[in-house]
N, C-alpha and C. Protein backbone atom coordinates (compact mmCIF):
# COMPACT_ATOMS: atom_id res chain seq x y z
N UNK A 1 19.92 -51.68 42.19
CA UNK A 1 18.95 -50.62 42.43
C UNK A 1 18.83 -50.35 43.93
N UNK A 2 18.80 -51.41 44.74
CA UNK A 2 18.71 -51.24 46.19
C UNK A 2 19.92 -50.48 46.71
N UNK A 3 21.10 -50.79 46.19
CA UNK A 3 22.32 -50.11 46.62
C UNK A 3 22.24 -48.62 46.27
N UNK A 4 21.78 -48.31 45.08
CA UNK A 4 21.65 -46.91 44.68
C UNK A 4 20.68 -46.17 45.59
N UNK A 5 19.58 -46.82 45.95
CA UNK A 5 18.60 -46.21 46.84
C UNK A 5 19.20 -45.95 48.22
N UNK A 6 19.94 -46.93 48.75
CA UNK A 6 20.58 -46.77 50.06
C UNK A 6 21.62 -45.65 50.04
N UNK A 7 22.40 -45.56 48.96
CA UNK A 7 23.39 -44.49 48.85
C UNK A 7 22.71 -43.12 48.78
N UNK A 8 21.61 -43.04 48.08
CA UNK A 8 20.86 -41.79 47.98
C UNK A 8 20.32 -41.36 49.32
N UNK A 9 19.75 -42.29 50.09
CA UNK A 9 19.22 -41.98 51.42
C UNK A 9 20.35 -41.56 52.35
N UNK A 10 21.48 -42.24 52.28
CA UNK A 10 22.62 -41.89 53.13
C UNK A 10 23.14 -40.49 52.82
N UNK A 11 23.18 -40.13 51.55
CA UNK A 11 23.68 -38.80 51.20
C UNK A 11 22.71 -37.71 51.64
N UNK A 12 21.41 -37.98 51.59
CA UNK A 12 20.43 -37.02 52.06
C UNK A 12 20.53 -36.81 53.56
N UNK A 13 20.73 -37.87 54.29
CA UNK A 13 20.86 -37.77 55.75
C UNK A 13 22.06 -36.91 56.12
N UNK A 14 23.14 -37.02 55.37
CA UNK A 14 24.33 -36.24 55.65
C UNK A 14 24.16 -34.77 55.35
N UNK A 15 23.35 -34.44 54.36
CA UNK A 15 23.17 -33.04 53.95
C UNK A 15 22.53 -32.19 55.04
N UNK A 16 21.64 -32.74 55.80
CA UNK A 16 20.92 -31.94 56.78
C UNK A 16 21.82 -31.45 57.91
N UNK A 17 22.92 -32.12 58.18
CA UNK A 17 23.83 -31.73 59.26
C UNK A 17 25.07 -31.01 58.77
N UNK A 18 25.29 -30.98 57.44
CA UNK A 18 26.54 -30.41 56.93
C UNK A 18 26.65 -28.91 57.18
N UNK A 19 25.53 -28.20 57.26
CA UNK A 19 25.60 -26.76 57.47
C UNK A 19 25.55 -26.39 58.95
N UNK A 20 25.43 -27.36 59.81
CA UNK A 20 25.40 -27.10 61.25
C UNK A 20 26.82 -27.19 61.81
N UNK A 21 27.27 -26.17 62.53
CA UNK A 21 28.63 -26.21 63.09
C UNK A 21 28.72 -27.21 64.24
N UNK A 22 29.94 -27.49 64.65
CA UNK A 22 30.16 -28.34 65.83
C UNK A 22 29.59 -27.63 67.05
N UNK A 23 28.85 -28.37 67.87
CA UNK A 23 28.21 -27.80 69.04
C UNK A 23 28.70 -28.46 70.32
N UNK A 24 28.67 -27.70 71.40
CA UNK A 24 28.91 -28.23 72.73
C UNK A 24 27.66 -28.01 73.55
N UNK A 25 27.35 -28.90 74.45
CA UNK A 25 26.19 -28.75 75.33
C UNK A 25 26.57 -27.79 76.45
N UNK A 26 25.71 -26.81 76.72
CA UNK A 26 26.03 -25.79 77.72
C UNK A 26 24.89 -25.63 78.71
N UNK A 27 25.25 -25.67 79.98
CA UNK A 27 24.30 -25.40 81.05
C UNK A 27 25.04 -24.80 82.22
N UNK A 28 24.30 -24.28 83.17
CA UNK A 28 24.92 -23.69 84.35
C UNK A 28 23.88 -22.95 85.16
N UNK A 29 24.36 -22.04 85.99
CA UNK A 29 23.43 -21.26 86.81
C UNK A 29 23.89 -19.81 86.89
N UNK A 30 22.95 -18.95 87.21
CA UNK A 30 23.21 -17.52 87.33
C UNK A 30 22.70 -17.05 88.68
N UNK A 31 23.56 -16.36 89.42
CA UNK A 31 23.15 -15.73 90.67
C UNK A 31 23.47 -14.25 90.56
N UNK A 32 22.62 -13.43 91.17
CA UNK A 32 22.82 -11.99 91.23
C UNK A 32 22.81 -11.59 92.69
N UNK A 33 23.92 -11.03 93.13
CA UNK A 33 24.10 -10.66 94.54
C UNK A 33 23.80 -11.83 95.48
N UNK A 34 24.27 -13.00 95.09
CA UNK A 34 24.15 -14.19 95.93
C UNK A 34 22.83 -14.93 95.86
N UNK A 35 21.86 -14.45 95.06
CA UNK A 35 20.55 -15.11 94.96
C UNK A 35 20.33 -15.59 93.53
N UNK A 36 19.71 -16.77 93.36
CA UNK A 36 19.43 -17.27 92.01
C UNK A 36 18.66 -16.22 91.20
N UNK A 37 19.08 -16.02 89.96
CA UNK A 37 18.43 -15.06 89.07
C UNK A 37 17.43 -15.82 88.21
N UNK A 38 16.14 -15.62 88.49
CA UNK A 38 15.11 -16.34 87.73
C UNK A 38 14.59 -15.48 86.59
N UNK A 39 14.05 -16.14 85.58
CA UNK A 39 13.44 -15.49 84.41
C UNK A 39 14.40 -14.54 83.69
N UNK A 40 15.65 -14.95 83.56
CA UNK A 40 16.64 -14.16 82.81
C UNK A 40 16.96 -14.88 81.51
N UNK A 41 17.36 -14.11 80.52
CA UNK A 41 17.81 -14.66 79.24
C UNK A 41 19.33 -14.70 79.26
N UNK A 42 19.90 -15.88 78.98
CA UNK A 42 21.34 -16.06 78.88
C UNK A 42 21.64 -16.33 77.41
N UNK A 43 22.44 -15.46 76.79
CA UNK A 43 22.75 -15.61 75.36
C UNK A 43 24.25 -15.71 75.15
N UNK A 44 24.66 -16.66 74.32
CA UNK A 44 26.06 -16.85 73.94
C UNK A 44 26.19 -16.42 72.48
N UNK A 45 27.05 -15.41 72.23
CA UNK A 45 27.25 -14.85 70.90
C UNK A 45 28.64 -15.26 70.41
N UNK A 46 28.73 -16.09 69.35
CA UNK A 46 30.05 -16.53 68.86
C UNK A 46 30.92 -15.37 68.43
N UNK A 47 32.19 -15.38 68.82
CA UNK A 47 33.13 -14.32 68.46
C UNK A 47 33.36 -14.29 66.96
N UNK A 48 33.31 -15.45 66.30
CA UNK A 48 33.55 -15.50 64.86
C UNK A 48 32.24 -15.43 64.07
N UNK A 49 31.24 -14.83 64.69
CA UNK A 49 29.90 -14.64 64.10
C UNK A 49 29.17 -15.97 64.02
N UNK A 50 27.99 -15.94 63.49
CA UNK A 50 27.17 -17.14 63.43
C UNK A 50 26.00 -17.03 64.39
N UNK A 51 25.20 -18.06 64.42
CA UNK A 51 23.98 -18.09 65.22
C UNK A 51 24.30 -18.10 66.71
N UNK A 52 23.60 -17.24 67.44
CA UNK A 52 23.73 -17.24 68.90
C UNK A 52 22.89 -18.38 69.48
N UNK A 53 23.21 -18.76 70.68
CA UNK A 53 22.44 -19.74 71.44
C UNK A 53 21.91 -19.04 72.67
N UNK A 54 20.72 -19.45 73.12
CA UNK A 54 20.20 -18.83 74.33
C UNK A 54 19.38 -19.80 75.15
N UNK A 55 19.19 -19.41 76.39
CA UNK A 55 18.40 -20.19 77.33
C UNK A 55 17.80 -19.25 78.35
N UNK A 56 16.89 -19.78 79.15
CA UNK A 56 16.20 -18.99 80.17
C UNK A 56 16.41 -19.63 81.53
N UNK A 57 16.65 -18.79 82.52
CA UNK A 57 16.87 -19.33 83.86
C UNK A 57 15.54 -19.68 84.51
N UNK A 58 15.56 -20.76 85.27
CA UNK A 58 14.37 -21.17 86.01
C UNK A 58 14.39 -20.53 87.40
N UNK A 59 13.52 -20.96 88.28
CA UNK A 59 13.41 -20.36 89.62
C UNK A 59 14.68 -20.54 90.45
N UNK A 60 15.52 -21.52 90.08
CA UNK A 60 16.77 -21.77 90.79
C UNK A 60 17.97 -21.12 90.10
N UNK A 61 17.71 -20.37 89.03
CA UNK A 61 18.79 -19.72 88.29
C UNK A 61 19.48 -20.61 87.28
N UNK A 62 18.98 -21.83 87.08
CA UNK A 62 19.60 -22.78 86.15
C UNK A 62 19.15 -22.49 84.72
N UNK A 63 20.09 -22.63 83.78
CA UNK A 63 19.78 -22.46 82.36
C UNK A 63 20.41 -23.59 81.55
N UNK A 64 19.89 -23.79 80.34
CA UNK A 64 20.45 -24.73 79.37
C UNK A 64 20.28 -24.08 78.01
N UNK A 65 21.34 -24.05 77.19
CA UNK A 65 21.28 -23.34 75.92
C UNK A 65 20.66 -24.16 74.80
N UNK A 66 19.93 -23.45 73.94
CA UNK A 66 19.35 -24.02 72.73
C UNK A 66 20.00 -23.31 71.55
N UNK A 67 20.44 -24.10 70.57
CA UNK A 67 21.05 -23.54 69.36
C UNK A 67 19.98 -23.19 68.33
N UNK A 68 19.09 -24.11 68.09
CA UNK A 68 18.04 -23.91 67.09
C UNK A 68 16.86 -24.80 67.42
N UNK A 69 15.72 -24.23 67.66
CA UNK A 69 14.50 -24.95 68.02
C UNK A 69 14.74 -26.10 68.98
N UNK A 70 14.84 -27.32 68.49
CA UNK A 70 15.01 -28.49 69.36
C UNK A 70 16.46 -28.99 69.38
N UNK A 71 17.39 -28.19 68.89
CA UNK A 71 18.81 -28.57 68.89
C UNK A 71 19.48 -27.83 70.04
N UNK A 72 19.94 -28.59 71.01
CA UNK A 72 20.54 -28.01 72.22
C UNK A 72 22.02 -27.74 71.99
N UNK A 73 22.54 -26.71 72.67
CA UNK A 73 23.97 -26.44 72.65
C UNK A 73 24.32 -25.07 72.12
N UNK A 74 25.63 -24.87 71.93
CA UNK A 74 26.19 -23.64 71.39
C UNK A 74 27.36 -24.00 70.50
N UNK A 75 27.63 -23.15 69.54
CA UNK A 75 28.73 -23.35 68.60
C UNK A 75 30.05 -23.45 69.38
N UNK A 76 30.90 -24.39 69.00
CA UNK A 76 32.20 -24.54 69.63
C UNK A 76 33.05 -23.31 69.31
N UNK A 77 33.71 -22.76 70.31
CA UNK A 77 34.57 -21.59 70.12
C UNK A 77 34.32 -20.54 71.19
N UNK A 78 34.97 -19.39 71.02
CA UNK A 78 34.88 -18.29 71.97
C UNK A 78 33.55 -17.55 71.81
N UNK A 79 32.95 -17.13 72.94
CA UNK A 79 31.67 -16.43 72.94
C UNK A 79 31.69 -15.24 73.90
N UNK A 80 30.93 -14.21 73.54
CA UNK A 80 30.58 -13.15 74.48
C UNK A 80 29.22 -13.54 75.03
N UNK A 81 29.01 -13.30 76.31
CA UNK A 81 27.76 -13.71 76.96
C UNK A 81 27.01 -12.47 77.42
N UNK A 82 25.70 -12.47 77.18
CA UNK A 82 24.84 -11.42 77.71
C UNK A 82 23.78 -12.07 78.59
N UNK A 83 23.49 -11.41 79.69
CA UNK A 83 22.46 -11.88 80.62
C UNK A 83 21.57 -10.70 80.94
N UNK A 84 20.26 -10.88 80.74
CA UNK A 84 19.33 -9.78 80.98
C UNK A 84 17.99 -10.31 81.48
N UNK A 85 17.28 -9.47 82.19
CA UNK A 85 15.95 -9.83 82.67
C UNK A 85 14.87 -9.11 81.90
N UNK A 86 15.10 -7.87 81.49
CA UNK A 86 14.10 -7.13 80.72
C UNK A 86 13.97 -7.74 79.34
N UNK A 87 12.73 -7.93 78.90
CA UNK A 87 12.49 -8.50 77.59
C UNK A 87 12.66 -10.01 77.55
N UNK A 88 12.75 -10.65 78.71
CA UNK A 88 12.89 -12.10 78.76
C UNK A 88 11.60 -12.77 78.30
N UNK A 89 11.57 -14.09 78.32
CA UNK A 89 10.45 -14.87 77.78
C UNK A 89 9.10 -14.53 78.38
N UNK A 90 9.08 -14.12 79.61
CA UNK A 90 7.84 -13.80 80.30
C UNK A 90 7.35 -12.43 79.81
N UNK A 91 6.12 -12.33 79.34
CA UNK A 91 5.61 -11.05 78.82
C UNK A 91 5.60 -9.98 79.90
N UNK A 92 5.46 -10.37 81.13
CA UNK A 92 5.51 -9.42 82.25
C UNK A 92 6.90 -8.80 82.34
N UNK A 93 7.93 -9.61 82.08
CA UNK A 93 9.32 -9.14 82.16
C UNK A 93 9.68 -8.25 80.98
N UNK A 94 8.92 -8.34 79.89
CA UNK A 94 9.23 -7.56 78.70
C UNK A 94 9.20 -6.06 78.97
N UNK A 95 8.40 -5.62 79.92
CA UNK A 95 8.29 -4.20 80.22
C UNK A 95 8.89 -3.84 81.58
N UNK A 96 9.55 -4.78 82.20
CA UNK A 96 10.13 -4.56 83.53
C UNK A 96 11.48 -3.85 83.42
N UNK A 97 11.91 -3.26 84.51
CA UNK A 97 13.21 -2.62 84.59
C UNK A 97 14.29 -3.70 84.59
N UNK A 98 15.38 -3.44 83.87
CA UNK A 98 16.49 -4.38 83.82
C UNK A 98 17.15 -4.48 85.19
N UNK A 99 17.26 -5.73 85.71
CA UNK A 99 17.87 -5.97 87.02
C UNK A 99 19.38 -6.19 86.92
N UNK A 100 19.84 -6.59 85.75
CA UNK A 100 21.25 -6.96 85.56
C UNK A 100 22.02 -5.75 85.03
N UNK A 101 23.15 -5.40 85.67
CA UNK A 101 23.95 -4.26 85.21
C UNK A 101 24.43 -4.42 83.76
N UNK A 102 24.63 -3.29 83.09
CA UNK A 102 25.04 -3.26 81.68
C UNK A 102 26.33 -4.03 81.42
N UNK A 103 27.23 -4.13 82.42
CA UNK A 103 28.50 -4.84 82.20
C UNK A 103 28.29 -6.33 81.95
N UNK A 104 27.04 -6.81 82.12
CA UNK A 104 26.72 -8.20 81.84
C UNK A 104 25.79 -8.35 80.64
N UNK A 105 25.41 -7.25 79.99
CA UNK A 105 24.56 -7.35 78.80
C UNK A 105 24.98 -6.33 77.74
N UNK A 106 24.45 -5.11 77.74
CA UNK A 106 24.74 -4.14 76.68
C UNK A 106 26.24 -3.86 76.54
N UNK A 107 26.97 -3.87 77.65
CA UNK A 107 28.42 -3.63 77.65
C UNK A 107 29.15 -4.83 78.26
N UNK A 108 28.76 -6.01 77.86
CA UNK A 108 29.23 -7.23 78.51
C UNK A 108 30.75 -7.38 78.57
N UNK A 109 31.19 -7.88 79.68
CA UNK A 109 32.59 -8.24 79.88
C UNK A 109 32.73 -9.75 80.02
N UNK A 110 31.61 -10.47 79.90
CA UNK A 110 31.60 -11.92 80.08
C UNK A 110 32.01 -12.63 78.80
N UNK A 111 32.93 -13.58 78.93
CA UNK A 111 33.36 -14.41 77.81
C UNK A 111 33.63 -15.83 78.30
N UNK A 112 33.35 -16.79 77.43
CA UNK A 112 33.65 -18.19 77.73
C UNK A 112 33.97 -18.90 76.41
N UNK A 113 34.78 -19.96 76.51
CA UNK A 113 35.09 -20.80 75.35
C UNK A 113 34.29 -22.09 75.47
N UNK A 114 33.44 -22.35 74.49
CA UNK A 114 32.64 -23.58 74.46
C UNK A 114 33.47 -24.65 73.76
N UNK A 115 33.54 -25.81 74.35
CA UNK A 115 34.26 -26.96 73.79
C UNK A 115 33.24 -28.02 73.42
N UNK A 116 33.63 -28.96 72.57
CA UNK A 116 32.76 -30.08 72.24
C UNK A 116 32.46 -30.87 73.50
N UNK A 117 31.28 -31.47 73.57
CA UNK A 117 30.88 -32.23 74.76
C UNK A 117 30.14 -31.35 75.75
N UNK A 118 30.26 -31.70 77.03
CA UNK A 118 29.54 -30.99 78.10
C UNK A 118 30.33 -29.78 78.58
N UNK A 119 29.63 -28.66 78.75
CA UNK A 119 30.22 -27.43 79.30
C UNK A 119 29.31 -26.95 80.42
N UNK A 120 29.91 -26.54 81.52
CA UNK A 120 29.14 -26.02 82.65
C UNK A 120 29.72 -24.65 83.01
N UNK A 121 28.90 -23.61 82.83
CA UNK A 121 29.33 -22.25 83.12
C UNK A 121 28.37 -21.61 84.11
N UNK A 122 28.88 -21.28 85.28
CA UNK A 122 28.10 -20.56 86.28
C UNK A 122 28.51 -19.09 86.24
N UNK A 123 27.55 -18.21 86.51
CA UNK A 123 27.83 -16.78 86.50
C UNK A 123 27.38 -16.20 87.84
N UNK A 124 28.34 -15.60 88.55
CA UNK A 124 28.09 -14.97 89.85
C UNK A 124 28.15 -13.46 89.62
N UNK A 125 26.99 -12.85 89.42
CA UNK A 125 26.90 -11.43 89.07
C UNK A 125 26.68 -10.57 90.30
N UNK A 126 27.09 -9.30 90.18
CA UNK A 126 26.93 -8.36 91.29
C UNK A 126 26.43 -7.02 90.76
N UNK A 127 25.53 -6.39 91.52
CA UNK A 127 25.05 -5.07 91.14
C UNK A 127 25.98 -3.97 91.65
N UNK A 128 26.98 -4.34 92.42
CA UNK A 128 27.91 -3.36 93.00
C UNK A 128 29.09 -3.12 92.09
């Protein structure tokens, strides 16, 4: 009976992670025209569809991606990246003018491949 109980608990523990894809931890920094970009949303959108990951830049332009609530990282594979300031986490920024050019958000040209383990991606953006 004890063995059956242990097998049941082990199978339940495995079920909760079976629908979660392989993730890589992602962090980095964002600068715009040579200055740290604070209060920006950095989003990684998987090329093969699936849940996006996002993070917010701090006062130094540093971000770290979250996949789902308290699960950090991004799906392993190729991603399109969008970076924007309008509508970011700060309610004040929600109505502000977008500081980041469209080529980095609505018409993004940014792409990166996330691998298992640690990933560090810095973005040096320009308004010119």
